[in-house]
């Protein structure tokens, strides 16, 4: 998710509610990796479809995302990112 997130940054997220599921486009989410289910990943929701979510990393040249593993089922969403505590505070996201 670089440049939005860098190694060492702390992400605070909350569990996703049913009402959150209707407006996810553009939001940063924590999801279970569709292939490596034991791993959690952080991605931005690019588009929402009836079959699932298209997620992308903010660095399109080096991100593993829906272009490799396809759409993500909404059931794989663990949470919605609420806040980022930056190790290097040169970036500010609201």
PDB file of N, CA and C in Angstrom:
ATOM      1  N   UNK A   1       0.808  -1.198   0.000  1.00  0.00           N
ATOM      2  CA  UNK A   1       0.000   0.000   0.000  1.00  0.00           C
ATOM      3  C   UNK A   1       0.851   1.262   0.000  1.00  0.00           C
ATOM      4  N   UNK A   2       2.145   1.134  -0.201  1.00  0.00           N
ATOM      5  CA  UNK A   2       2.991   2.308  -0.301  1.00  0.00           C
ATOM      6  C   UNK A   2       2.555   3.116  -1.508  1.00  0.00           C
ATOM      7  N   UNK A   3       2.427   4.392  -1.502  1.00  0.00           N
ATOM      8  CA  UNK A   3       2.948   5.345  -0.530  1.00  0.00           C
ATOM      9  C   UNK A   3       2.014   5.648   0.631  1.00  0.00           C
ATOM     10  N   UNK A   4       0.777   5.124   0.620  1.00  0.00           N
ATOM     11  CA  UNK A   4      -0.155   5.412   1.707  1.00  0.00           C
ATOM     12  C   UNK A   4       0.317   4.809   3.015  1.00  0.00           C
ATOM     13  N   UNK A   5       0.772   3.567   2.961  1.00  0.00           N
ATOM     14  CA  UNK A   5       1.279   2.878   4.144  1.00  0.00           C
ATOM     15  C   UNK A   5       2.708   2.438   3.886  1.00  0.00           C
ATOM     16  N   UNK A   6       3.532   2.522   4.921  1.00  0.00           N
ATOM     17  CA  UNK A   6       4.930   2.108   4.817  1.00  0.00           C
ATOM     18  C   UNK A   6       5.222   1.064   5.886  1.00  0.00           C
ATOM     19  N   UNK A   7       6.274   0.259   5.695  1.00  0.00           N
ATOM     20  CA  UNK A   7       6.641  -0.710   6.723  1.00  0.00           C
ATOM     21  C   UNK A   7       6.826  -0.013   8.073  1.00  0.00           C
ATOM     22  N   UNK A   8       6.248  -0.590   9.104  1.00  0.00           N
ATOM     23  CA  UNK A   8       6.354  -0.019  10.442  1.00  0.00           C
ATOM     24  C   UNK A   8       5.158   0.825  10.846  1.00  0.00           C
ATOM     25  N   UNK A   9       4.337   1.247   9.892  1.00  0.00           N
ATOM     26  CA  UNK A   9       3.131   2.008  10.221  1.00  0.00           C
ATOM     27  C   UNK A   9       2.158   1.103  10.972  1.00  0.00           C
ATOM     28  N   UNK A  10       1.411   1.688  11.875  1.00  0.00           N
ATOM     29  CA  UNK A  10       0.410   0.944  12.645  1.00  0.00           C
ATOM     30  C   UNK A  10      -0.962   1.319  12.113  1.00  0.00           C
ATOM     31  N   UNK A  11      -1.756   0.297  11.807  1.00  0.00           N
ATOM     32  CA  UNK A  11      -3.093   0.506  11.264  1.00  0.00           C
ATOM     33  C   UNK A  11      -4.113   0.131  12.330  1.00  0.00           C
ATOM     34  N   UNK A  12      -5.041   1.041  12.568  1.00  0.00           N
ATOM     35  CA  UNK A  12      -6.138   0.769  13.492  1.00  0.00           C
ATOM     36  C   UNK A  12      -7.395   0.558  12.646  1.00  0.00           C
ATOM     37  N   UNK A  13      -8.036  -0.580  12.855  1.00  0.00           N
ATOM     38  CA  UNK A  13      -9.238  -0.872  12.085  1.00  0.00           C
ATOM     39  C   UNK A  13     -10.330  -1.366  13.013  1.00  0.00           C
ATOM     40  N   UNK A  14     -11.544  -1.296  12.510  1.00  0.00           N
ATOM     41  CA  UNK A  14     -12.683  -1.784  13.276  1.00  0.00           C
ATOM     42  C   UNK A  14     -13.403  -2.848  12.459  1.00  0.00           C
ATOM     43  N   UNK A  15     -14.112  -3.687  13.162  1.00  0.00           N
ATOM     44  CA  UNK A  15     -14.907  -4.701  12.478  1.00  0.00           C
ATOM     45  C   UNK A  15     -15.897  -4.022  11.550  1.00  0.00           C
ATOM     46  N   UNK A  16     -16.172  -4.670  10.466  1.00  0.00           N
ATOM     47  CA  UNK A  16     -17.070  -4.084   9.478  1.00  0.00           C
ATOM     48  C   UNK A  16     -18.513  -4.386   9.854  1.00  0.00           C
ATOM     49  N   UNK A  17     -19.378  -3.400   9.688  1.00  0.00           N
ATOM     50  CA  UNK A  17     -20.795  -3.590   9.986  1.00  0.00           C
ATOM     51  C   UNK A  17     -21.554  -3.808   8.677  1.00  0.00           C
ATOM     52  N   UNK A  18     -22.788  -4.254   8.778  1.00  0.00           N
ATOM     53  CA  UNK A  18     -23.595  -4.480   7.575  1.00  0.00           C
ATOM     54  C   UNK A  18     -23.786  -3.198   6.790  1.00  0.00           C
ATOM     55  N   UNK A  19     -23.923  -2.071   7.490  1.00  0.00           N
ATOM     56  CA  UNK A  19     -24.133  -0.802   6.786  1.00  0.00           C
ATOM     57  C   UNK A  19     -22.874  -0.383   6.018  1.00  0.00           C
ATOM     58  N   UNK A  20     -21.686  -0.766   6.500  1.00  0.00           N
ATOM     59  CA  UNK A  20     -20.437  -0.447   5.799  1.00  0.00           C
ATOM     60  C   UNK A  20     -20.342  -1.150   4.455  1.00  0.00           C
ATOM     61  N   UNK A  21     -20.995  -2.277   4.316  1.00  0.00           N
ATOM     62  CA  UNK A  21     -20.883  -3.083   3.104  1.00  0.00           C
ATOM     63  C   UNK A  21     -21.489  -2.416   1.874  1.00  0.00           C
ATOM     64  N   UNK A  22     -22.245  -1.347   2.071  1.00  0.00           N
ATOM     65  CA  UNK A  22     -22.906  -0.702   0.939  1.00  0.00           C
ATOM     66  C   UNK A  22     -22.061   0.384   0.274  1.00  0.00           C
ATOM     67  N   UNK A  23     -21.122   0.952   0.980  1.00  0.00           N
ATOM     68  CA  UNK A  23     -20.306   2.040   0.428  1.00  0.00           C
ATOM     69  C   UNK A  23     -18.829   1.801   0.712  1.00  0.00           C
ATOM     70  N   UNK A  24     -18.228   0.852   0.041  1.00  0.00           N
ATOM     71  CA  UNK A  24     -16.829   0.531   0.288  1.00  0.00           C
ATOM     72  C   UNK A  24     -15.866   1.133  -0.736  1.00  0.00           C
ATOM     73  N   UNK A  25     -16.375   1.559  -1.880  1.00  0.00           N
ATOM     74  CA  UNK A  25     -15.506   2.059  -2.940  1.00  0.00           C
ATOM     75  C   UNK A  25     -14.631   3.202  -2.416  1.00  0.00           C
ATOM     76  N   UNK A  26     -13.316   3.048  -2.604  1.00  0.00           N
ATOM     77  CA  UNK A  26     -12.361   4.054  -2.157  1.00  0.00           C
ATOM     78  C   UNK A  26     -11.852   3.858  -0.744  1.00  0.00           C
ATOM     79  N   UNK A  27     -12.497   2.990   0.027  1.00  0.00           N
ATOM     80  CA  UNK A  27     -12.102   2.754   1.422  1.00  0.00           C
ATOM     81  C   UNK A  27     -10.931   1.769   1.483  1.00  0.00           C
ATOM     82  N   UNK A  28     -10.152   1.882   2.554  1.00  0.00           N
ATOM     83  CA  UNK A  28      -9.060   0.942   2.798  1.00  0.00           C
ATOM     84  C   UNK A  28      -9.586  -0.119   3.757  1.00  0.00           C
ATOM     85  N   UNK A  29      -9.411  -1.381   3.375  1.00  0.00           N
ATOM     86  CA  UNK A  29      -9.954  -2.490   4.154  1.00  0.00           C
ATOM     87  C   UNK A  29      -8.865  -3.503   4.494  1.00  0.00           C
ATOM     88  N   UNK A  30      -9.106  -4.223   5.569  1.00  0.00           N
ATOM     89  CA  UNK A  30      -8.277  -5.364   5.953  1.00  0.00           C
ATOM     90  C   UNK A  30      -9.062  -6.596   5.531  1.00  0.00           C
ATOM     91  N   UNK A  31      -8.420  -7.450   4.731  1.00  0.00           N
ATOM     92  CA  UNK A  31      -9.111  -8.643   4.232  1.00  0.00           C
ATOM     93  C   UNK A  31      -8.251  -9.884   4.433  1.00  0.00           C
ATOM     94  N   UNK A  32      -8.926 -11.026   4.477  1.00  0.00           N
ATOM     95  CA  UNK A  32      -8.207 -12.303   4.442  1.00  0.00           C
ATOM     96  C   UNK A  32      -7.748 -12.509   3.004  1.00  0.00           C
ATOM     97  N   UNK A  33      -6.489 -12.842   2.839  1.00  0.00           N
ATOM     98  CA  UNK A  33      -5.959 -13.090   1.491  1.00  0.00           C
ATOM     99  C   UNK A  33      -6.768 -14.222   0.859  1.00  0.00           C
ATOM    100  N   UNK A  34      -7.268 -14.025  -0.356  1.00  0.00           N
ATOM    101  CA  UNK A  34      -8.117 -15.046  -0.983  1.00  0.00           C
ATOM    102  C   UNK A  34      -7.418 -16.380  -1.241  1.00  0.00           C
ATOM    103  N   UNK A  35      -6.107 -16.370  -1.391  1.00  0.00           N
ATOM    104  CA  UNK A  35      -5.365 -17.598  -1.676  1.00  0.00           C
ATOM    105  C   UNK A  35      -4.659 -18.120  -0.425  1.00  0.00           C
ATOM    106  N   UNK A  36      -4.047 -17.224   0.328  1.00  0.00           N
ATOM    107  CA  UNK A  36      -3.326 -17.575   1.557  1.00  0.00           C
ATOM    108  C   UNK A  36      -4.180 -17.131   2.744  1.00  0.00           C
ATOM    109  N   UNK A  37      -5.203 -17.906   3.071  1.00  0.00           N
ATOM    110  CA  UNK A  37      -6.249 -17.487   4.001  1.00  0.00           C
ATOM    111  C   UNK A  37      -5.768 -17.174   5.408  1.00  0.00           C
ATOM    112  N   UNK A  38      -4.577 -17.626   5.784  1.00  0.00           N
ATOM    113  CA  UNK A  38      -4.052 -17.318   7.115  1.00  0.00           C
ATOM    114  C   UNK A  38      -3.477 -15.904   7.178  1.00  0.00           C
ATOM    115  N   UNK A  39      -3.275 -15.278   6.019  1.00  0.00           N
ATOM    116  CA  UNK A  39      -2.673 -13.951   5.964  1.00  0.00           C
ATOM    117  C   UNK A  39      -3.730 -12.865   5.809  1.00  0.00           C
ATOM    118  N   UNK A  40      -3.523 -11.763   6.513  1.00  0.00           N
ATOM    119  CA  UNK A  40      -4.354 -10.580   6.345  1.00  0.00           C
ATOM    120  C   UNK A  40      -3.593  -9.595   5.462  1.00  0.00           C
ATOM    121  N   UNK A  41      -4.319  -8.918   4.581  1.00  0.00           N
ATOM    122  CA  UNK A  41      -3.710  -7.906   3.726  1.00  0.00           C
ATOM    123  C   UNK A  41      -4.559  -6.633   3.777  1.00  0.00           C
ATOM    124  N   UNK A  42      -3.931  -5.533   3.433  1.00  0.00           N
ATOM    125  CA  UNK A  42      -4.611  -4.236   3.432  1.00  0.00           C
ATOM    126  C   UNK A  42      -4.646  -3.731   2.005  1.00  0.00           C
ATOM    127  N   UNK A  43      -5.846  -3.415   1.533  1.00  0.00           N
ATOM    128  CA  UNK A  43      -6.024  -2.953   0.151  1.00  0.00           C
ATOM    129  C   UNK A  43      -7.102  -1.879   0.111  1.00  0.00           C
ATOM    130  N   UNK A  44      -7.136  -1.150  -0.988  1.00  0.00           N
ATOM    131  CA  UNK A  44      -8.174  -0.154  -1.226  1.00  0.00           C
ATOM    132  C   UNK A  44      -9.216  -0.763  -2.174  1.00  0.00           C
ATOM    133  N   UNK A  45     -10.487  -0.541  -1.881  1.00  0.00           N
ATOM    134  CA  UNK A  45     -11.562  -1.046  -2.731  1.00  0.00           C
ATOM    135  C   UNK A  45     -11.660  -0.144  -3.959  1.00  0.00           C
ATOM    136  N   UNK A  46     -11.410  -0.740  -5.126  1.00  0.00           N
ATOM    137  CA  UNK A  46     -11.475   0.017  -6.379  1.00  0.00           C
ATOM    138  C   UNK A  46     -12.902   0.043  -6.918  1.00  0.00           C
ATOM    139  N   UNK A  47     -13.552  -1.108  -6.933  1.00  0.00           N
ATOM    140  CA  UNK A  47     -14.918  -1.207  -7.435  1.00  0.00           C
ATOM    141  C   UNK A  47     -15.669  -2.294  -6.685  1.00  0.00           C
ATOM    142  N   UNK A  48     -16.995  -2.173  -6.690  1.00  0.00           N
ATOM    143  CA  UNK A  48     -17.869  -3.164  -6.075  1.00  0.00           C
ATOM    144  C   UNK A  48     -18.740  -3.785  -7.154  1.00  0.00           C
ATOM    145  N   UNK A  49     -18.795  -5.107  -7.156  1.00  0.00           N
ATOM    146  CA  UNK A  49     -19.615  -5.846  -8.106  1.00  0.00           C
ATOM    147  C   UNK A  49     -20.496  -6.819  -7.332  1.00  0.00           C
ATOM    148  N   UNK A  50     -21.503  -7.352  -7.982  1.00  0.00           N
ATOM    149  CA  UNK A  50     -22.378  -8.312  -7.305  1.00  0.00           C
ATOM    150  C   UNK A  50     -21.617  -9.583  -6.909  1.00  0.00           C
ATOM    151  N   UNK A  51     -20.555  -9.905  -7.640  1.00  0.00           N
ATOM    152  CA  UNK A  51     -19.769 -11.111  -7.344  1.00  0.00           C
ATOM    153  C   UNK A  51     -18.645 -10.880  -6.339  1.00  0.00           C
ATOM    154  N   UNK A  52     -18.367  -9.628  -5.998  1.00  0.00           N
ATOM    155  CA  UNK A  52     -17.312  -9.352  -5.038  1.00  0.00           C
ATOM    156  C   UNK A  52     -16.685  -7.989  -5.239  1.00  0.00           C
ATOM    157  N   UNK A  53     -15.598  -7.771  -4.538  1.00  0.00           N
ATOM    158  CA  UNK A  53     -14.901  -6.493  -4.566  1.00  0.00           C
ATOM    159  C   UNK A  53     -13.626  -6.588  -5.383  1.00  0.00           C
ATOM    160  N   UNK A  54     -13.355  -5.537  -6.145  1.00  0.00           N
ATOM    161  CA  UNK A  54     -12.056  -5.422  -6.798  1.00  0.00           C
ATOM    162  C   UNK A  54     -11.195  -4.559  -5.883  1.00  0.00           C
ATOM    163  N   UNK A  55     -10.105  -5.135  -5.394  1.00  0.00           N
ATOM    164  CA  UNK A  55      -9.211  -4.408  -4.492  1.00  0.00           C
ATOM    165  C   UNK A  55      -7.873  -4.188  -5.166  1.00  0.00           C
ATOM    166  N   UNK A  56      -7.260  -3.073  -4.839  1.00  0.00           N
ATOM    167  CA  UNK A  56      -5.950  -2.725  -5.394  1.00  0.00           C
ATOM    168  C   UNK A  56      -5.070  -2.154  -4.298  1.00  0.00           C
ATOM    169  N   UNK A  57      -3.776  -2.369  -4.468  1.00  0.00           N
ATOM    170  CA  UNK A  57      -2.812  -1.684  -3.630  1.00  0.00           C
ATOM    171  C   UNK A  57      -2.568  -0.315  -4.233  1.00  0.00           C
ATOM    172  N   UNK A  58      -2.098   0.628  -3.432  1.00  0.00           N
ATOM    173  CA  UNK A  58      -1.871   1.976  -3.934  1.00  0.00           C
ATOM    174  C   UNK A  58      -0.645   2.074  -4.846  1.00  0.00           C
ATOM    175  N   UNK A  59       0.245   1.095  -4.789  1.00  0.00           N
ATOM    176  CA  UNK A  59       1.395   1.065  -5.686  1.00  0.00           C
ATOM    177  C   UNK A  59       1.119   0.005  -6.752  1.00  0.00           C
ATOM    178  N   UNK A  60       0.540   0.432  -7.858  1.00  0.00           N
ATOM    179  CA  UNK A  60       0.074  -0.521  -8.865  1.00  0.00           C
ATOM    180  C   UNK A  60       1.201  -1.319  -9.523  1.00  0.00           C
ATOM    181  N   UNK A  61       2.437  -0.842  -9.429  1.00  0.00           N
ATOM    182  CA  UNK A  61       3.547  -1.549 -10.074  1.00  0.00           C
ATOM    183  C   UNK A  61       4.064  -2.725  -9.250  1.00  0.00           C
ATOM    184  N   UNK A  62       3.834  -2.718  -7.948  1.00  0.00           N
ATOM    185  CA  UNK A  62       4.392  -3.813  -7.138  1.00  0.00           C
ATOM    186  C   UNK A  62       3.369  -4.422  -6.180  1.00  0.00           C
ATOM    187  N   UNK A  63       2.096  -4.198  -6.423  1.00  0.00           N
ATOM    188  CA  UNK A  63       1.071  -4.702  -5.522  1.00  0.00           C
ATOM    189  C   UNK A  63       0.495  -6.028  -6.019  1.00  0.00           C
ATOM    190  N   UNK A  64       0.243  -6.919  -5.078  1.00  0.00           N
ATOM    191  CA  UNK A  64      -0.510  -8.134  -5.378  1.00  0.00           C
ATOM    192  C   UNK A  64      -1.948  -7.846  -4.972  1.00  0.00           C
ATOM    193  N   UNK A  65      -2.853  -7.916  -5.932  1.00  0.00           N
ATOM    194  CA  UNK A  65      -4.230  -7.524  -5.665  1.00  0.00           C
ATOM    195  C   UNK A  65      -5.182  -8.255  -6.599  1.00  0.00           C
ATOM    196  N   UNK A  66      -6.357  -7.711  -6.841  1.00  0.00           N
ATOM    197  CA  UNK A  66      -7.367  -8.387  -7.654  1.00  0.00           C
ATOM    198  C   UNK A  66      -6.902  -8.698  -9.066  1.00  0.00           C
ATOM    199  N   UNK A  67      -5.898  -7.998  -9.538  1.00  0.00           N
ATOM    200  CA  UNK A  67      -5.371  -8.310 -10.873  1.00  0.00           C
ATOM    201  C   UNK A  67      -4.722  -9.684 -10.896  1.00  0.00           C
ATOM    202  N   UNK A  68      -4.244 -10.160  -9.742  1.00  0.00           N
ATOM    203  CA  UNK A  68      -3.651 -11.494  -9.655  1.00  0.00           C
ATOM    204  C   UNK A  68      -4.637 -12.531  -9.127  1.00  0.00           C
ATOM    205  N   UNK A  69      -5.397 -12.206  -8.059  1.00  0.00           N
ATOM    206  CA  UNK A  69      -6.240 -13.224  -7.429  1.00  0.00           C
ATOM    207  C   UNK A  69      -7.734 -13.040  -7.658  1.00  0.00           C
ATOM    208  N   UNK A  70      -8.137 -12.056  -8.437  1.00  0.00           N
ATOM    209  CA  UNK A  70      -9.551 -11.887  -8.765  1.00  0.00           C
ATOM    210  C   UNK A  70     -10.330 -11.122  -7.713  1.00  0.00           C
ATOM    211  N   UNK A  71     -11.640 -11.158  -7.865  1.00  0.00           N
ATOM    212  CA  UNK A  71     -12.517 -10.442  -6.937  1.00  0.00           C
ATOM    213  C   UNK A  71     -12.482 -11.082  -5.555  1.00  0.00           C
ATOM    214  N   UNK A  72     -12.687 -10.258  -4.542  1.00  0.00           N
ATOM    215  CA  UNK A  72     -12.682 -10.709  -3.153  1.00  0.00           C
ATOM    216  C   UNK A  72     -14.116 -10.752  -2.650  1.00  0.00           C
ATOM    217  N   UNK A  73     -14.490 -11.861  -2.059  1.00  0.00           N
ATOM    218  CA  UNK A  73     -15.814 -12.001  -1.467  1.00  0.00           C
ATOM    219  C   UNK A  73     -15.927 -11.062  -0.270  1.00  0.00           C
ATOM    220  N   UNK A  74     -17.073 -10.411  -0.119  1.00  0.00           N
ATOM    221  CA  UNK A  74     -17.262  -9.496   1.010  1.00  0.00           C
ATOM    222  C   UNK A  74     -17.112 -10.203   2.352  1.00  0.00           C
ATOM    223  N   UNK A  75     -17.328 -11.503   2.378  1.00  0.00           N
ATOM    224  CA  UNK A  75     -17.164 -12.274   3.618  1.00  0.00           C
ATOM    225  C   UNK A  75     -15.708 -12.314   4.066  1.00  0.00           C
ATOM    226  N   UNK A  76     -14.769 -12.028   3.159  1.00  0.00           N
ATOM    227  CA  UNK A  76     -13.341 -12.022   3.506  1.00  0.00           C
ATOM    228  C   UNK A  76     -12.897 -10.717   4.163  1.00  0.00           C
ATOM    229  N   UNK A  77     -13.781  -9.738   4.249  1.00  0.00           N
ATOM    230  CA  UNK A  77     -13.409  -8.470   4.873  1.00  0.00           C
ATOM    231  C   UNK A  77     -13.362  -8.648   6.382  1.00  0.00           C
ATOM    232  N   UNK A  78     -12.235  -8.307   6.957  1.00  0.00           N
ATOM    233  CA  UNK A  78     -12.056  -8.383   8.402  1.00  0.00           C
ATOM    234  C   UNK A  78     -12.422  -7.054   9.048  1.00  0.00           C
ATOM    235  N   UNK A  79     -12.041  -5.945   8.407  1.00  0.00           N
ATOM    236  CA  UNK A  79     -12.329  -4.651   9.006  1.00  0.00           C
ATOM    237  C   UNK A  79     -12.099  -3.495   8.060  1.00  0.00           C
ATOM    238  N   UNK A  80     -12.476  -2.334   8.543  1.00  0.00           N
ATOM    239  CA  UNK A  80     -12.357  -1.087   7.812  1.00  0.00           C
ATOM    240  C   UNK A  80     -11.312  -0.236   8.525  1.00  0.00           C
ATOM    241  N   UNK A  81     -10.300   0.235   7.784  1.00  0.00           N
ATOM    242  CA  UNK A  81      -9.236   1.015   8.401  1.00  0.00           C
ATOM    243  C   UNK A  81      -9.795   2.361   8.849  1.00  0.00           C
ATOM    244  N   UNK A  82      -9.569   2.682  10.105  1.00  0.00           N
ATOM    245  CA  UNK A  82     -10.049   3.922  10.702  1.00  0.00           C
ATOM    246  C   UNK A  82      -8.938   4.949  10.852  1.00  0.00           C
ATOM    247  N   UNK A  83      -7.722   4.485  11.127  1.00  0.00           N
ATOM    248  CA  UNK A  83      -6.640   5.414  11.442  1.00  0.00           C
ATOM    249  C   UNK A  83      -5.303   4.748  11.142  1.00  0.00           C
ATOM    250  N   UNK A  84      -4.339   5.570  10.760  1.00  0.00           N
ATOM    251  CA  UNK A  84      -2.981   5.085  10.539  1.00  0.00           C
ATOM    252  C   UNK A  84      -2.041   5.908  11.404  1.00  0.00           C
ATOM    253  N   UNK A  85      -1.231   5.220  12.207  1.00  0.00           N
ATOM    254  CA  UNK A  85      -0.201   5.884  13.004  1.00  0.00           C
ATOM    255  C   UNK A  85       1.115   5.670  12.276  1.00  0.00           C
ATOM    256  N   UNK A  86       1.687   6.746  11.798  1.00  0.00           N
ATOM    257  CA  UNK A  86       2.846   6.660  10.938  1.00  0.00           C
ATOM    258  C   UNK A  86       4.145   6.597  11.710  1.00  0.00           C
ATOM    259  N   UNK A  87       4.978   5.633  11.343  1.00  0.00           N
ATOM    260  CA  UNK A  87       6.314   5.537  11.914  1.00  0.00           C
ATOM    261  C   UNK A  87       7.130   6.748  11.464  1.00  0.00           C
ATOM    262  N   UNK A  88       6.978   7.126  10.191  1.00  0.00           N
ATOM    263  CA  UNK A  88       7.627   8.303   9.636  1.00  0.00           C
ATOM    264  C   UNK A  88       6.521   9.317   9.323  1.00  0.00           C
ATOM    265  N   UNK A  89       6.294  10.292  10.205  1.00  0.00           N
ATOM    266  CA  UNK A  89       5.119  11.165  10.062  1.00  0.00           C
ATOM    267  C   UNK A  89       5.200  12.219   8.957  1.00  0.00           C
ATOM    268  N   UNK A  90       5.799  11.869   7.824  1.00  0.00           N
ATOM    269  CA  UNK A  90       5.791  12.813   6.716  1.00  0.00           C
ATOM    270  C   UNK A  90       4.515  12.684   5.909  1.00  0.00           C
ATOM    271  N   UNK A  91       3.777  11.587   6.113  1.00  0.00           N
ATOM    272  CA  UNK A  91       2.504  11.370   5.429  1.00  0.00           C
ATOM    273  C   UNK A  91       1.369  11.551   6.412  1.00  0.00           C
ATOM    274  N   UNK A  92       0.329  12.211   6.003  1.00  0.00           N
ATOM    275  CA  UNK A  92      -0.856  12.376   6.846  1.00  0.00           C
ATOM    276  C   UNK A  92      -2.074  11.948   6.013  1.00  0.00           C
ATOM    277  N   UNK A  93      -2.864  11.010   6.537  1.00  0.00           N
ATOM    278  CA  UNK A  93      -4.095  10.579   5.874  1.00  0.00           C
ATOM    279  C   UNK A  93      -5.237  10.793   6.844  1.00  0.00           C
ATOM    280  N   UNK A  94      -6.312  11.320   6.335  1.00  0.00           N
ATOM    281  CA  UNK A  94      -7.499  11.518   7.172  1.00  0.00           C
ATOM    282  C   UNK A  94      -8.618  10.654   6.654  1.00  0.00           C
TER     283      UNK A  94
END
